[in-house]
Amino acid sequence: MKPPPFEYHAPRSLGEALDALAGAGEHGKVLAGGQSLIPLLNMRLAAPAHLVDINRLPELAFVDVAPEGVRVGALARHAQVERHEPVAAAQPLLRRALRLVAHPVIRNRGTVVGSLAHADPAAELPAVLALLGGSVRLARSGAVRDVPADDFFTGPLESAIDPGELAVSAFFPAPPPRSGTAFREIARRHGDYALAGIAALVVLDDDLRITSATVACVSLGPVPLLVDVSEAVGHRPSASADWASAARAVRERVDPEADIHATAAYRRHLAGVLTEQALRDAAREAADA
């Protein structure tokens, strides 16, 4: 299949890219990795009048690591971030999630920020950004704004990016002291979209008692759903935490849909199982921190 006709733009600077997007308005799409956009074009599920290719903007291919967290530019590939040792040290959840994204050939081309902009509730990275309380930086001609994850994902394949804006980077905060993270998912084959997935963050105090426990859900609703299960597990050492209560709390909150791959009931069941597993993993890591 072939995409519908469009006008192709190949800007050589960020300013040119923003000007092209401003001119295209709601009829423009950005091409970075293209691993989601190109199939949509070929299947005629998207038909932009203008395609703005930002691959000639190497200044957007950065990965910056600081004590506050990790900032990833719009052209940083999945594989680049996955293999970046300072990133893995600063925010281990990023590497764990990226290793579950599709297959190596896809990760070699796809971009972290592009995955966030695509806003697929079945993707891993939106859940990571939501769990960590990260943000996406959006630019347009003459203005820049940072949108927190809570406000960024507005629906299935829908985000807070306005016409004429470009997602130039994403920020993933560093984990708090004495914390641990984990990512669990179930897919029919490794690399396929998850039937259900859970990212978990557990924080302990100096006595190794749980002060907070939160999970973000994948493929279990229209956007990455955050569930605070701190009250369910109680202020206890992780060895005696009530992880089963946390799993029940998540099962009650999720709103999965049925499709040809799984029933809603099965996805809800997976939500509980994966929640318990991920929270236990995260708590172990926090205790060893």
Protein backbone atom coordinates (compact mmCIF):
# COMPACT_ATOMS: atom_id res chain seq x y z
CA MET A 1 0.00 0.00 0.00
CA LYS A 2 1.10 3.57 -0.60
CA PRO A 3 0.48 6.70 1.46
CA PRO A 4 -1.81 9.47 0.23
CA PRO A 5 -0.12 12.49 -1.41
CA PHE A 6 1.56 15.03 0.86
CA GLU A 7 4.01 17.90 0.65
CA TYR A 8 7.40 16.90 2.01
CA HIS A 9 9.47 19.34 4.09
CA ALA A 10 13.13 18.68 5.00
CA PRO A 11 14.15 21.55 7.30
CA ARG A 12 17.83 22.10 8.09
CA SER A 13 17.27 23.97 11.36
CA LEU A 14 14.84 23.90 14.25
CA GLY A 15 13.55 27.31 13.20
CA GLU A 16 12.77 26.03 9.70
CA ALA A 17 10.99 23.01 11.18
CA LEU A 18 8.83 25.19 13.43
CA ASP A 19 8.02 27.51 10.54
CA ALA A 20 6.96 24.54 8.41
CA LEU A 21 4.76 23.20 11.19
CA ALA A 22 3.24 26.64 11.77
CA GLY A 23 2.37 26.85 8.09
CA ALA A 24 0.94 23.34 8.02
CA GLY A 25 -1.19 23.82 11.15
CA GLU A 26 -3.53 20.91 11.81
CA HIS A 27 -2.61 19.38 8.45
CA GLY A 28 1.02 18.70 9.41
CA LYS A 29 2.74 15.62 10.81
CA VAL A 30 6.30 15.19 12.09
CA LEU A 31 8.55 12.40 10.81
CA ALA A 32 11.30 11.31 13.20
CA GLY A 33 11.67 7.53 13.50
CA GLY A 34 8.53 6.84 11.50
CA GLN A 35 7.96 3.41 13.03
CA SER A 36 4.35 4.30 13.91
CA LEU A 37 3.63 7.04 11.38
CA ILE A 38 4.71 5.26 8.19
CA PRO A 39 2.40 2.25 8.72
CA LEU A 40 -0.47 4.64 9.48
CA LEU A 41 0.24 6.50 6.23
CA ASN A 42 0.51 3.32 4.20
CA MET A 43 -2.78 2.01 5.58
CA ARG A 44 -4.37 5.40 4.94
CA LEU A 45 -5.26 5.78 8.61
CA ALA A 46 -3.49 9.15 8.55
CA ALA A 47 -3.49 11.57 5.65
CA PRO A 48 -1.53 14.73 6.49
CA ALA A 49 -1.16 17.33 3.77
CA HIS A 50 2.36 18.15 5.01
CA LEU A 51 5.10 15.89 6.35
CA VAL A 52 7.92 17.63 8.24
CA ASP A 53 11.02 15.42 8.40
CA ILE A 54 13.25 16.47 11.33
CA ASN A 55 16.00 13.92 10.70
CA ARG A 56 18.38 16.63 9.45
CA LEU A 57 18.41 18.30 12.88
CA PRO A 58 21.23 16.53 14.74
CA GLU A 59 20.93 18.97 17.64
CA LEU A 60 17.78 17.08 18.63
CA ALA A 61 19.58 13.73 18.96
CA PHE A 62 20.92 14.44 22.45
CA VAL A 63 20.69 12.50 25.69
CA ASP A 64 21.55 14.57 28.79
CA VAL A 65 21.99 13.01 32.22
CA ALA A 66 22.00 15.16 35.36
CA PRO A 67 21.35 14.54 39.07
CA GLU A 68 17.76 15.70 38.49
CA GLY A 69 17.10 13.14 35.78
CA VAL A 70 17.39 12.33 32.08
CA ARG A 71 16.41 14.61 29.19
CA VAL A 72 16.04 12.94 25.81
CA GLY A 73 15.94 14.88 22.55
CA ALA A 74 13.40 14.31 19.80
CA LEU A 75 15.85 12.37 17.59
CA ALA A 76 17.36 10.13 20.28
CA ARG A 77 16.64 6.57 19.15
CA HIS A 78 15.32 3.87 21.46
CA ALA A 79 18.53 1.87 21.05
CA GLN A 80 20.70 4.92 21.79
CA VAL A 81 18.94 5.51 25.11
CA GLU A 82 18.73 1.80 25.93
CA ARG A 83 22.50 1.37 25.58
CA HIS A 84 23.42 4.61 27.34
CA GLU A 85 25.08 3.49 30.59
CA PRO A 86 24.72 6.86 32.41
CA VAL A 87 20.99 6.74 31.62
CA ALA A 88 20.70 3.24 33.05
CA ALA A 89 22.48 4.37 36.21
CA ALA A 90 20.40 7.52 36.61
CA GLN A 91 17.00 6.05 35.70
CA PRO A 92 17.05 2.22 35.44
CA LEU A 93 13.36 2.01 34.55
CA LEU A 94 14.04 3.53 31.15
CA ARG A 95 16.31 0.67 30.08
CA ARG A 96 13.92 -1.93 31.47
CA ALA A 97 11.04 -0.50 29.52
CA LEU A 98 13.00 0.07 26.32
CA ARG A 99 14.07 -3.57 26.20
CA LEU A 100 10.38 -4.44 25.90
CA VAL A 101 9.72 -2.06 23.01
CA ALA A 102 9.13 -4.00 19.79
CA HIS A 103 12.30 -5.54 18.27
CA PRO A 104 15.92 -4.34 17.86
CA VAL A 105 15.42 -3.23 14.26
CA ILE A 106 12.52 -1.03 15.39
CA ARG A 107 14.46 0.34 18.35
CA ASN A 108 17.36 1.25 16.07
CA ARG A 109 15.12 3.70 14.24
CA GLY A 110 12.23 4.61 16.52
CA THR A 111 12.56 7.54 18.90
CA VAL A 112 11.69 7.90 22.57
CA VAL A 113 9.97 11.26 22.13
CA GLY A 114 8.14 9.98 19.04
CA SER A 115 6.69 7.13 21.08
CA LEU A 116 5.44 9.61 23.66
CA ALA A 117 3.98 11.89 20.98
CA HIS A 118 2.19 8.91 19.41
CA ALA A 119 0.48 8.43 22.80
CA ASP A 120 -0.42 4.78 22.33
CA PRO A 121 -1.86 3.44 25.63
CA ALA A 122 -0.38 0.03 24.71
CA ALA A 123 3.17 1.45 24.59
CA GLU A 124 5.66 1.22 27.43
CA LEU A 125 7.19 4.70 27.46
CA PRO A 126 4.02 6.71 28.14
CA ALA A 127 3.54 4.63 31.30
CA VAL A 128 7.15 5.27 32.35
CA LEU A 129 6.79 9.02 31.87
CA ALA A 130 3.53 9.02 33.84
CA LEU A 131 4.91 6.93 36.70
CA LEU A 132 8.02 9.10 37.10
CA GLY A 133 6.11 12.37 36.86
CA GLY A 134 8.05 13.44 33.78
CA SER A 135 7.21 16.00 31.15
CA VAL A 136 7.40 16.73 27.44
CA ARG A 137 8.83 20.00 26.09
CA LEU A 138 6.85 21.46 23.20
CA ALA A 139 8.11 24.25 20.94
CA ARG A 140 6.48 26.49 18.39
CA SER A 141 7.72 29.61 16.67
CA GLY A 142 8.48 32.03 19.50
CA ALA A 143 7.39 29.87 22.44
CA VAL A 144 8.32 26.80 24.48
CA ARG A 145 6.25 25.03 27.13
CA ASP A 146 6.72 21.98 29.34
CA VAL A 147 3.67 19.74 29.72
CA PRO A 148 3.58 17.31 32.66
CA ALA A 149 2.74 13.71 31.90
CA ASP A 150 -0.57 14.01 33.77
CA ASP A 151 -1.72 16.57 31.21
CA PHE A 152 0.12 15.30 28.15
CA PHE A 153 -1.81 12.11 27.37
CA THR A 154 -5.40 13.07 26.58
CA GLY A 155 -6.76 9.91 24.93
CA PRO A 156 -5.83 6.95 22.72
CA LEU A 157 -3.28 8.28 20.20
CA GLU A 158 -4.07 11.81 21.44
CA SER A 159 -1.78 14.20 23.26
CA ALA A 160 -1.53 17.84 24.31
CA ILE A 161 0.58 18.71 21.25
CA ASP A 162 -1.21 21.55 19.47
CA PRO A 163 -1.09 22.16 15.71
CA GLY A 164 2.17 23.88 14.85
CA GLU A 165 4.03 22.47 17.87
CA LEU A 166 6.99 20.09 17.91
CA ALA A 167 7.85 17.79 20.82
CA VAL A 168 11.56 18.63 21.13
CA SER A 169 12.45 16.63 24.25
CA ALA A 170 11.17 14.63 27.19
CA PHE A 171 12.34 14.68 30.80
CA PHE A 172 12.42 11.59 33.04
CA PRO A 173 13.12 12.55 36.68
CA ALA A 174 15.66 10.59 38.69
CA PRO A 175 14.18 8.21 41.26
CA PRO A 176 13.89 9.44 44.86
CA PRO A 177 16.34 8.11 47.48
CA ARG A 178 15.82 4.54 48.69
CA SER A 179 13.44 3.68 45.89
CA GLY A 180 13.08 0.89 43.36
CA THR A 181 11.34 0.47 40.04
CA ALA A 182 10.20 -2.46 37.95
CA PHE A 183 8.37 -3.21 34.71
CA ARG A 184 6.33 -6.32 34.01
CA GLU A 185 4.21 -7.10 30.97
CA ILE A 186 2.59 -9.99 29.14
CA ALA A 187 2.63 -10.19 25.34
CA ARG A 188 1.83 -13.05 22.98
CA ARG A 189 5.38 -12.80 21.65
CA HIS A 190 8.28 -10.74 22.90
CA GLY A 191 8.15 -7.44 21.04
CA ASP A 192 4.41 -7.54 20.40
CA TYR A 193 2.16 -4.98 22.03
CA ALA A 194 1.47 -5.98 25.62
CA LEU A 195 -1.86 -7.52 26.53
CA ALA A 196 -1.24 -5.79 29.85
CA GLY A 197 1.72 -4.18 31.56
CA ILE A 198 2.62 -2.58 34.88
CA ALA A 199 5.41 -0.17 35.77
CA ALA A 200 5.98 0.15 39.53
CA LEU A 201 7.73 2.59 41.86
CA VAL A 202 8.24 1.82 45.57
CA VAL A 203 9.87 4.20 48.06
CA LEU A 204 11.08 3.14 51.53
CA ASP A 205 12.06 5.11 54.61
CA ASP A 206 15.27 4.66 56.60
CA ASP A 207 13.66 1.77 58.49
CA LEU A 208 12.86 0.07 55.19
CA ARG A 209 9.14 0.63 55.61
CA ILE A 210 7.07 1.52 52.56
CA THR A 211 6.30 5.22 52.32
CA SER A 212 4.76 5.12 48.85
CA ALA A 213 3.89 2.60 46.16
CA THR A 214 2.55 3.56 42.75
CA VAL A 215 1.92 1.74 39.50
CA ALA A 216 1.27 2.87 35.92
CA CYS A 217 -0.78 0.64 33.66
CA VAL A 218 -0.22 -0.33 30.01
CA SER A 219 -3.04 -1.52 27.71
CA LEU A 220 -5.53 -1.18 30.54
CA GLY A 221 -7.28 2.07 29.63
CA PRO A 222 -7.35 4.94 27.13
CA VAL A 223 -4.29 6.62 28.70
CA PRO A 224 -1.54 5.47 31.07
CA LEU A 225 -3.44 5.03 34.33
CA LEU A 226 -1.63 5.87 37.59
CA VAL A 227 -2.77 4.05 40.72
CA ASP A 228 -1.42 4.95 44.17
CA VAL A 229 -1.52 1.76 46.23
CA SER A 230 0.38 3.13 49.25
CA GLU A 231 -2.65 2.81 51.53
CA ALA A 232 -3.32 -0.73 50.37
CA VAL A 233 0.17 -2.01 51.19
CA GLY A 234 0.41 -0.08 54.46
CA HIS A 235 3.42 1.47 56.16
CA ARG A 236 5.20 -1.83 56.62
CA PRO A 237 8.46 -3.51 55.67
CA SER A 238 8.19 -4.88 52.16
CA ALA A 239 8.45 -8.47 53.41
CA SER A 240 5.11 -8.09 55.21
CA ALA A 241 3.37 -5.73 52.78
CA ASP A 242 -0.08 -6.68 51.59
CA TRP A 243 0.71 -6.90 47.89
CA ALA A 244 -2.52 -8.81 47.24
CA SER A 245 -4.53 -5.78 48.42
CA ALA A 246 -2.55 -3.60 46.05
CA ALA A 247 -3.36 -5.97 43.21
CA ARG A 248 -7.06 -5.81 44.05
CA ALA A 249 -6.95 -2.01 44.13
CA VAL A 250 -5.48 -1.92 40.64
CA ARG A 251 -7.95 -4.47 39.26
CA GLU A 252 -10.78 -2.29 40.54
CA ARG A 253 -9.38 0.86 38.90
CA VAL A 254 -8.47 -0.35 35.41
CA ASP A 255 -10.88 -0.14 32.51
CA PRO A 256 -9.56 -2.51 29.84
CA GLU A 257 -11.23 -3.20 26.52
CA ALA A 258 -11.74 -6.56 24.86
CA ASP A 259 -10.28 -7.24 21.42
CA ILE A 260 -9.23 -10.20 19.28
CA HIS A 261 -6.20 -10.75 21.53
CA ALA A 262 -7.75 -10.81 25.00
CA THR A 263 -10.98 -10.29 26.88
CA ALA A 264 -11.42 -7.39 29.26
CA ALA A 265 -11.69 -9.87 32.15
CA TYR A 266 -8.38 -11.48 31.23
CA ARG A 267 -6.66 -8.12 31.01
CA ARG A 268 -8.06 -7.16 34.41
CA HIS A 269 -6.75 -10.45 35.84
CA LEU A 270 -3.32 -9.75 34.35
CA ALA A 271 -3.36 -6.29 35.90
CA GLY A 272 -3.54 -7.82 39.36
CA VAL A 273 -0.93 -10.49 38.75
CA LEU A 274 1.55 -8.09 37.16
CA THR A 275 0.98 -5.46 39.84
CA GLU A 276 1.95 -7.86 42.59
CA GLN A 277 5.03 -9.04 40.70
CA ALA A 278 6.21 -5.56 39.77
CA LEU A 279 5.71 -4.14 43.26
CA ARG A 280 7.68 -7.00 44.80
CA ASP A 281 10.50 -6.44 42.30
CA ALA A 282 10.56 -2.70 42.96
CA ALA A 283 10.49 -3.18 46.74
CA ARG A 284 13.45 -5.57 46.58
CA GLU A 285 15.44 -3.05 44.57
CA ALA A 286 14.54 -0.27 47.02
CA ALA A 287 15.66 -2.38 49.98
CA ASP A 288 19.04 -2.97 48.30
CA ALA A 289 19.51 0.69 47.34
